[in-house]
Amino acid sequence: MSLYDTLMTIHPSPVVTLNRAIAIAQRDGPDRGLAEIQMIDGRDRLAAYPFYSAALGQLEFPCKRYNSAREPFRAALALARNEGSAAF
């Protein structure tokens, strides 16, 4: 995480913090990643960012919280910027 921590000191933003949370989830598990996402300052600024919703759904899904994953996945689909993102 040291590279993300460095990036956050150089150019802090909700997107950088989201990317760091995703990396933490890959290292420590989805629940830890979700906890990191919940701590993002300015999280409301990510509401129109499709990868925020996609990350939430992607982290809920392996925990078998399918109902909790459904709405973020739908939001990510609605916010997709192109057909490739929507198909993914």
C-alpha atoms as a PDB file:
ATOM      1  CA  MET A   1       0.000   0.000   0.000  1.00  0.00           C
ATOM      2  CA  SER A   2       2.982   2.291   0.266  1.00  0.00           C
ATOM      3  CA  LEU A   3       2.629   3.481  -3.338  1.00  0.00           C
ATOM      4  CA  TYR A   4      -1.012   4.397  -2.808  1.00  0.00           C
ATOM      5  CA  ASP A   5      -0.091   6.082   0.461  1.00  0.00           C
ATOM      6  CA  THR A   6       2.539   8.124  -1.382  1.00  0.00           C
ATOM      7  CA  LEU A   7       0.080   9.014  -4.126  1.00  0.00           C
ATOM      8  CA  MET A   8      -2.414  10.133  -1.499  1.00  0.00           C
ATOM      9  CA  THR A   9       0.137  12.582  -0.080  1.00  0.00           C
ATOM     10  CA  ILE A  10       0.965  13.922  -3.551  1.00  0.00           C
ATOM     11  CA  HIS A  11      -2.539  14.029  -5.025  1.00  0.00           C
ATOM     12  CA  PRO A  12      -5.231  13.116  -2.509  1.00  0.00           C
ATOM     13  CA  SER A  13      -8.656  12.470  -3.981  1.00  0.00           C
ATOM     14  CA  PRO A  14     -11.634  10.197  -3.445  1.00  0.00           C
ATOM     15  CA  VAL A  15     -10.667   8.217  -6.585  1.00  0.00           C
ATOM     16  CA  VAL A  16      -7.145   7.561  -5.305  1.00  0.00           C
ATOM     17  CA  THR A  17      -8.593   6.528  -1.955  1.00  0.00           C
ATOM     18  CA  LEU A  18     -11.077   4.216  -3.710  1.00  0.00           C
ATOM     19  CA  ASN A  19      -8.267   2.580  -5.673  1.00  0.00           C
ATOM     20  CA  ARG A  20      -6.313   2.115  -2.451  1.00  0.00           C
ATOM     21  CA  ALA A  21      -9.366   0.510  -0.825  1.00  0.00           C
ATOM     22  CA  ILE A  22      -9.680  -1.913  -3.738  1.00  0.00           C
ATOM     23  CA  ALA A  23      -6.017  -2.874  -3.378  1.00  0.00           C
ATOM     24  CA  ILE A  24      -6.536  -3.409   0.355  1.00  0.00           C
ATOM     25  CA  ALA A  25      -9.541  -5.623  -0.439  1.00  0.00           C
ATOM     26  CA  GLN A  26      -7.399  -7.745  -2.718  1.00  0.00           C
ATOM     27  CA  ARG A  27      -4.788  -8.117  -0.002  1.00  0.00           C
ATOM     28  CA  ASP A  28      -6.977  -8.374   3.116  1.00  0.00           C
ATOM     29  CA  GLY A  29     -10.401  -9.431   1.848  1.00  0.00           C
ATOM     30  CA  PRO A  30     -13.604  -7.782   0.692  1.00  0.00           C
ATOM     31  CA  ASP A  31     -14.899  -6.797   4.130  1.00  0.00           C
ATOM     32  CA  ARG A  32     -11.716  -4.855   4.829  1.00  0.00           C
ATOM     33  CA  GLY A  33     -12.008  -3.137   1.451  1.00  0.00           C
ATOM     34  CA  LEU A  34     -15.615  -2.196   2.141  1.00  0.00           C
ATOM     35  CA  ALA A  35     -14.589  -0.737   5.498  1.00  0.00           C
ATOM     36  CA  GLU A  36     -11.938   1.359   3.752  1.00  0.00           C
ATOM     37  CA  ILE A  37     -14.500   2.588   1.213  1.00  0.00           C
ATOM     38  CA  GLN A  38     -16.827   3.632   4.030  1.00  0.00           C
ATOM     39  CA  MET A  39     -14.048   5.848   5.419  1.00  0.00           C
ATOM     40  CA  ILE A  40     -13.463   7.789   2.180  1.00  0.00           C
ATOM     41  CA  ASP A  41     -13.802  11.527   2.725  1.00  0.00           C
ATOM     42  CA  GLY A  42     -15.908  12.985  -0.055  1.00  0.00           C
ATOM     43  CA  ARG A  43     -17.473   9.633  -0.861  1.00  0.00           C
ATOM     44  CA  ASP A  44     -20.561  11.510  -2.066  1.00  0.00           C
ATOM     45  CA  ARG A  45     -18.426  12.908  -4.906  1.00  0.00           C
ATOM     46  CA  LEU A  46     -18.050   9.344  -6.196  1.00  0.00           C
ATOM     47  CA  ALA A  47     -21.807   8.805  -6.658  1.00  0.00           C
ATOM     48  CA  ALA A  48     -21.570   9.514 -10.411  1.00  0.00           C
ATOM     49  CA  TYR A  49     -18.348   7.507 -10.837  1.00  0.00           C
ATOM     50  CA  PRO A  50     -19.278   4.083 -12.244  1.00  0.00           C
ATOM     51  CA  PHE A  51     -16.239   2.345 -10.787  1.00  0.00           C
ATOM     52  CA  TYR A  52     -17.303   3.304  -7.255  1.00  0.00           C
ATOM     53  CA  SER A  53     -20.584   1.442  -7.636  1.00  0.00           C
ATOM     54  CA  ALA A  54     -18.857  -1.431  -9.425  1.00  0.00           C
ATOM     55  CA  ALA A  55     -16.347  -1.753  -6.578  1.00  0.00           C
ATOM     56  CA  LEU A  56     -19.112  -1.871  -3.984  1.00  0.00           C
ATOM     57  CA  GLY A  57     -20.918  -4.616  -5.877  1.00  0.00           C
ATOM     58  CA  GLN A  58     -17.725  -6.525  -6.544  1.00  0.00           C
ATOM     59  CA  LEU A  59     -16.799  -6.536  -2.861  1.00  0.00           C
ATOM     60  CA  GLU A  60     -20.268  -7.525  -1.636  1.00  0.00           C
ATOM     61  CA  PHE A  61     -20.608 -10.396  -4.126  1.00  0.00           C
ATOM     62  CA  PRO A  62     -17.887 -12.771  -2.823  1.00  0.00           C
ATOM     63  CA  CYS A  63     -19.348 -12.396   0.662  1.00  0.00           C
ATOM     64  CA  LYS A  64     -22.577 -13.853  -0.768  1.00  0.00           C
ATOM     65  CA  ARG A  65     -24.431 -10.645   0.012  1.00  0.00           C
ATOM     66  CA  TYR A  66     -26.131 -10.781  -3.357  1.00  0.00           C
ATOM     67  CA  ASN A  67     -28.941  -8.391  -2.458  1.00  0.00           C
ATOM     68  CA  SER A  68     -26.386  -5.853  -1.261  1.00  0.00           C
ATOM     69  CA  ALA A  69     -24.407  -6.274  -4.494  1.00  0.00           C
ATOM     70  CA  ARG A  70     -27.391  -5.944  -6.806  1.00  0.00           C
ATOM     71  CA  GLU A  71     -28.067  -2.208  -6.417  1.00  0.00           C
ATOM     72  CA  PRO A  72     -24.436  -1.070  -6.821  1.00  0.00           C
ATOM     73  CA  PHE A  73     -24.108  -3.271  -9.916  1.00  0.00           C
ATOM     74  CA  ARG A  74     -27.266  -1.700 -11.360  1.00  0.00           C
ATOM     75  CA  ALA A  75     -25.943   1.759 -10.594  1.00  0.00           C
ATOM     76  CA  ALA A  76     -22.610   0.956 -12.241  1.00  0.00           C
ATOM     77  CA  LEU A  77     -24.428  -0.265 -15.343  1.00  0.00           C
ATOM     78  CA  ALA A  78     -26.535   2.893 -15.489  1.00  0.00           C
ATOM     79  CA  LEU A  79     -23.423   5.050 -15.106  1.00  0.00           C
ATOM     80  CA  ALA A  80     -21.295   3.147 -17.632  1.00  0.00           C
ATOM     81  CA  ARG A  81     -19.587   5.528 -20.034  1.00  0.00           C
ATOM     82  CA  ASN A  82     -19.420   3.184 -23.001  1.00  0.00           C
ATOM     83  CA  GLU A  83     -20.623  -0.190 -24.249  1.00  0.00           C
ATOM     84  CA  GLY A  84     -17.452  -1.974 -23.162  1.00  0.00           C
ATOM     85  CA  SER A  85     -17.844  -0.831 -19.577  1.00  0.00           C
ATOM     86  CA  ALA A  86     -21.529  -1.715 -19.627  1.00  0.00           C
ATOM     87  CA  ALA A  87     -20.793  -5.206 -20.956  1.00  0.00           C
ATOM     88  CA  PHE A  88     -18.196  -5.785 -18.247  1.00  0.00           C
END
